[in-house]
Structures are given as structure tokens and as C-alpha cells.
N, C-alpha and C. Protein backbone atom coordinates (compact mmCIF):
# COMPACT_ATOMS: atom_id res chain seq x y z
N MET A 1 2.58 7.13 -17.07
CA MET A 1 3.75 6.57 -15.93
C MET A 1 3.29 6.26 -14.90
N THR A 2 3.30 4.98 -14.15
CA THR A 2 2.97 4.30 -12.97
C THR A 2 3.97 4.43 -11.96
N THR A 3 3.45 4.45 -10.62
CA THR A 3 4.25 4.36 -9.57
C THR A 3 3.64 3.42 -8.73
N SER A 4 4.63 2.34 -8.02
CA SER A 4 4.13 1.35 -7.24
C SER A 4 4.69 1.67 -5.99
N MET A 5 3.79 1.63 -4.76
CA MET A 5 4.35 2.13 -3.39
C MET A 5 3.98 0.93 -2.46
N TYR A 6 5.22 1.12 -1.48
CA TYR A 6 4.98 0.13 -0.28
C TYR A 6 3.93 0.87 0.74
N VAL A 7 3.19 -0.10 1.40
CA VAL A 7 2.35 0.53 2.21
C VAL A 7 2.85 -0.32 3.77
N GLY A 8 3.34 -0.05 4.74
CA GLY A 8 3.90 -0.71 5.65
C GLY A 8 2.88 -0.50 7.14
N ASN A 9 2.81 -1.08 8.22
CA ASN A 9 2.38 -0.87 9.49
C ASN A 9 0.73 -0.94 8.90
N LEU A 10 -0.01 -1.41 8.42
CA LEU A 10 -1.30 -1.82 8.12
C LEU A 10 -1.73 -2.62 9.21
N PRO A 11 -2.92 -2.25 9.75
CA PRO A 11 -3.52 -3.35 10.56
C PRO A 11 -3.72 -4.62 9.99
N PHE A 12 -3.81 -5.62 10.87
CA PHE A 12 -3.94 -7.18 10.44
C PHE A 12 -5.17 -7.44 10.08
N SER A 13 -6.23 -6.35 10.20
CA SER A 13 -7.76 -6.55 9.52
C SER A 13 -7.46 -6.25 8.30
N ALA A 14 -6.62 -5.46 7.71
CA ALA A 14 -6.57 -4.93 6.25
C ALA A 14 -6.69 -5.67 5.12
N ASP A 15 -7.55 -5.47 4.15
CA ASP A 15 -7.67 -6.36 2.92
C ASP A 15 -7.24 -5.50 1.89
N SER A 16 -7.11 -6.26 0.60
CA SER A 16 -7.01 -5.59 -0.81
C SER A 16 -7.80 -4.38 -0.90
N THR A 17 -9.32 -4.84 -0.58
CA THR A 17 -10.44 -3.75 -0.82
C THR A 17 -10.36 -2.34 0.13
N SER A 18 -9.92 -2.68 1.21
CA SER A 18 -9.76 -1.51 2.18
C SER A 18 -8.69 -0.56 2.08
N LEU A 19 -7.41 -1.41 1.79
CA LEU A 19 -6.25 -0.47 1.01
C LEU A 19 -6.66 0.33 -0.25
N GLN A 20 -7.39 -0.28 -1.30
CA GLN A 20 -7.67 0.52 -2.36
C GLN A 20 -8.52 1.88 -1.93
N ASP A 21 -9.53 1.33 -1.08
CA ASP A 21 -10.33 2.54 -0.53
C ASP A 21 -9.64 3.62 0.47
N LEU A 22 -8.59 3.30 1.01
CA LEU A 22 -7.81 4.17 1.58
C LEU A 22 -6.81 5.25 0.64
N PHE A 23 -6.71 4.72 -0.56
CA PHE A 23 -5.79 5.59 -1.66
C PHE A 23 -7.29 6.27 -2.58
N ALA A 24 -8.00 5.72 -2.82
CA ALA A 24 -9.02 6.24 -3.78
C ALA A 24 -8.95 7.80 -3.47
N PRO A 25 -8.99 8.53 -2.59
CA PRO A 25 -9.26 9.64 -2.55
C PRO A 25 -8.36 10.51 -3.49
N PHE A 26 -6.88 10.02 -3.52
CA PHE A 26 -6.23 10.66 -4.33
C PHE A 26 -5.90 10.35 -5.82
N GLY A 27 -6.61 9.63 -6.32
CA GLY A 27 -6.90 9.21 -7.99
C GLY A 27 -7.16 7.86 -8.12
N GLU A 28 -6.97 7.52 -9.34
CA GLU A 28 -7.26 6.24 -9.92
C GLU A 28 -6.31 4.86 -9.32
N VAL A 29 -6.68 4.23 -8.33
CA VAL A 29 -6.05 2.89 -7.76
C VAL A 29 -5.71 2.10 -9.14
N ILE A 30 -4.79 1.55 -9.75
CA ILE A 30 -4.49 0.68 -10.54
C ILE A 30 -4.61 -0.58 -10.19
N SER A 31 -3.97 -0.91 -8.82
CA SER A 31 -4.04 -2.33 -8.08
C SER A 31 -3.58 -1.80 -6.68
N ALA A 32 -4.27 -2.65 -5.72
CA ALA A 32 -3.72 -2.54 -4.55
C ALA A 32 -4.15 -3.80 -3.80
N ARG A 33 -2.63 -4.38 -3.20
CA ARG A 33 -2.42 -5.86 -2.69
C ARG A 33 -2.06 -5.84 -1.35
N VAL A 34 -2.87 -6.81 -0.29
CA VAL A 34 -2.29 -6.54 0.83
C VAL A 34 -1.92 -8.04 1.08
N MET A 35 -0.63 -8.17 1.44
CA MET A 35 0.52 -9.22 1.34
C MET A 35 -0.01 -10.35 2.47
N SER A 36 -0.47 -11.48 2.14
CA SER A 36 -0.92 -12.70 3.41
C SER A 36 0.37 -13.46 3.43
N ASP A 37 0.33 -14.27 4.91
CA ASP A 37 0.77 -15.26 5.04
C ASP A 37 0.39 -16.69 4.34
N ARG A 38 1.18 -17.40 3.51
CA ARG A 38 0.84 -18.50 2.73
C ARG A 38 0.55 -19.67 3.63
N ASP A 39 0.73 -19.69 5.03
CA ASP A 39 0.40 -20.82 5.72
C ASP A 39 -1.23 -20.18 6.23
N THR A 40 -1.35 -18.95 6.97
CA THR A 40 -2.54 -18.74 7.83
C THR A 40 -3.51 -18.02 6.70
N GLY A 41 -2.76 -17.54 5.75
CA GLY A 41 -3.92 -16.53 5.11
C GLY A 41 -4.18 -15.26 5.53
N ARG A 42 -3.58 -14.92 6.88
CA ARG A 42 -3.34 -13.75 7.59
C ARG A 42 -2.95 -12.49 7.11
N SER A 43 -3.04 -11.44 7.18
CA SER A 43 -2.22 -10.23 6.30
C SER A 43 -1.01 -10.08 7.23
N ARG A 44 0.18 -9.65 6.49
CA ARG A 44 1.38 -9.87 6.93
C ARG A 44 1.63 -8.22 7.47
N GLY A 45 0.39 -7.55 7.22
CA GLY A 45 0.52 -6.03 7.50
C GLY A 45 1.44 -5.00 6.80
N PHE A 46 1.58 -5.27 5.73
CA PHE A 46 1.82 -4.59 4.52
C PHE A 46 1.24 -5.04 3.24
N GLY A 47 1.47 -3.75 2.07
CA GLY A 47 0.98 -4.10 0.92
C GLY A 47 1.40 -3.24 -0.23
N PHE A 48 1.21 -3.20 -1.21
CA PHE A 48 1.40 -2.55 -2.45
C PHE A 48 0.41 -1.73 -3.16
N VAL A 49 0.60 -0.52 -3.66
CA VAL A 49 -0.47 0.14 -4.23
C VAL A 49 0.06 0.76 -5.59
N GLU A 50 -0.63 0.43 -6.69
CA GLU A 50 0.04 1.12 -7.93
C GLU A 50 -1.06 2.35 -8.03
N MET A 51 -0.46 3.84 -8.82
CA MET A 51 -1.39 4.55 -9.31
C MET A 51 -0.63 5.57 -10.46
N GLU A 52 -1.11 6.34 -10.86
CA GLU A 52 -0.27 7.26 -11.82
C GLU A 52 0.59 8.03 -10.74
N ALA A 53 1.81 8.38 -11.61
CA ALA A 53 2.87 8.69 -10.70
C ALA A 53 2.38 10.39 -10.00
N ALA A 54 1.72 10.98 -10.46
CA ALA A 54 1.79 12.39 -9.67
C ALA A 54 0.79 12.14 -8.66
N GLU A 55 -0.36 11.40 -8.50
CA GLU A 55 -1.26 10.98 -8.07
C GLU A 55 -0.58 10.24 -6.55
N ALA A 56 0.34 9.35 -6.99
CA ALA A 56 0.90 8.54 -6.20
C ALA A 56 1.90 9.49 -5.10
N LYS A 57 2.45 10.48 -5.86
CA LYS A 57 3.23 11.56 -5.09
C LYS A 57 2.49 12.08 -3.74
N ASN A 58 1.46 12.38 -4.46
CA ASN A 58 0.42 13.26 -3.59
C ASN A 58 -0.05 12.30 -2.39
N ALA A 59 -0.11 10.75 -3.12
CA ALA A 59 -0.87 10.01 -1.72
C ALA A 59 0.41 9.87 -0.66
N MET A 60 1.43 9.56 -1.39
CA MET A 60 2.83 9.64 -0.46
C MET A 60 2.86 10.36 0.83
N SER A 61 2.79 11.86 0.06
CA SER A 61 3.20 13.19 0.91
C SER A 61 1.79 12.87 2.04
N SER A 62 0.62 12.88 1.65
CA SER A 62 -0.23 12.80 2.66
C SER A 62 -0.27 11.56 3.85
N LEU A 63 -0.10 10.62 3.23
CA LEU A 63 -0.49 9.24 3.96
C LEU A 63 0.65 8.38 5.04
N ASP A 64 1.98 9.01 4.45
CA ASP A 64 3.20 8.75 5.25
C ASP A 64 3.07 9.17 6.30
N GLY A 65 3.00 8.31 7.67
CA GLY A 65 3.22 8.91 8.77
C GLY A 65 1.57 9.16 9.11
N ALA A 66 0.61 8.92 8.75
CA ALA A 66 -0.58 9.56 9.07
C ALA A 66 -1.04 7.97 9.76
N GLU A 67 -2.05 8.51 10.63
CA GLU A 67 -2.55 7.06 11.71
C GLU A 67 -3.79 6.81 10.77
N HIS A 68 -3.83 5.30 10.69
CA HIS A 68 -5.08 4.41 10.09
C HIS A 68 -5.40 3.55 11.32
N GLN A 69 -6.58 3.34 11.76
CA GLN A 69 -7.13 2.45 12.70
C GLN A 69 -6.13 2.32 13.66
N GLY A 70 -5.55 3.22 14.38
CA GLY A 70 -4.54 3.33 15.45
C GLY A 70 -3.20 3.13 14.98
N ARG A 71 -2.59 3.05 13.92
CA ARG A 71 -1.49 2.61 13.44
C ARG A 71 -0.66 3.54 12.64
N LYS A 72 0.39 3.98 12.86
CA LYS A 72 1.20 4.86 11.83
C LYS A 72 1.75 4.49 10.46
N LEU A 73 1.09 4.61 9.40
CA LEU A 73 1.28 4.03 8.21
C LEU A 73 2.48 4.62 7.95
N ARG A 74 3.18 3.88 6.92
CA ARG A 74 4.89 4.14 6.53
C ARG A 74 4.34 3.98 5.20
N VAL A 75 4.27 5.16 4.35
CA VAL A 75 3.87 4.69 3.14
C VAL A 75 5.21 5.38 1.78
N ASN A 76 6.02 4.57 1.05
CA ASN A 76 7.30 5.17 0.06
C ASN A 76 7.12 4.39 -1.23
N GLU A 77 7.86 5.09 -2.07
CA GLU A 77 8.43 4.29 -3.68
C GLU A 77 8.70 2.73 -3.40
N ALA A 78 7.59 2.20 -3.70
CA ALA A 78 8.52 0.45 -3.68
C ALA A 78 9.74 0.27 -4.17
N GLU A 79 10.43 -0.63 -3.82
CA GLU A 79 11.69 -1.05 -4.67
C GLU A 79 11.76 -2.04 -5.65
N LYS A 80 12.38 -1.71 -6.88
CA LYS A 80 12.23 -2.71 -7.66
C LYS A 80 12.76 -3.84 -7.14
N ARG A 81 11.61 -5.31 -7.39
CA ARG A 81 11.80 -6.37 -6.77
C ARG A 81 13.13 -7.19 -7.90
N THR A 82 14.20 -7.53 -6.94
CA THR A 82 15.40 -8.22 -7.78
C THR A 82 14.89 -9.92 -8.32
N GLN A 83 15.19 -10.12 -9.13
CA GLN A 83 15.19 -11.74 -9.72
C GLN A 83 15.36 -12.77 -9.08
N ARG A 84 14.50 -13.57 -8.43
CA ARG A 84 14.90 -14.64 -7.80
C ARG A 84 15.62 -15.84 -8.50
N TYR A 85 16.65 -16.54 -8.03
CA TYR A 85 16.72 -17.84 -8.71
C TYR A 85 16.78 -19.18 -7.76
């Protein structure tokens, strides 16, 4: 079973590779995506990481509130996306 995590307050220089590297010490990262602005391509300062549930729980407790490149990260379980019509 996997858990998807929301990672907020990322530095705007962050990309998907650096996000994956940040979570790698806690276990296998299934996916890591930094969300970017459609028009500019610039990071929007948040992303999503998917890991095995136990590893994700450990990563959330370790990284939520931790400082990364001068910014205090916000890491929690991602809410399920509602269907858009």
C-alpha cells in the first residue's frame, strides 16, 4: 500500500529530481513531482511524493517542519483529488 504526500513551501529552485533526492533516505520513492506554472514553467513551490505507507509515515514525521534550503517544509498526507467536470 502506498501513500501520497503533499510537500509545501518548497524553494522555487526545486525540481522533481531534487524532491526525490530529499525523500530517498526514507525509502524507495515511487514518484516525485514538483508542480509548475503552466505559462512560465516556474515551480509553484509545492509537489507530491508517493512512497510505501510505512516509509511515507517516517518521512512525514521527519520532514514536516524541517528546514530545507532556508524554507520550513510542510509535509502531510495528500488529500484525494476530487473529480472535476
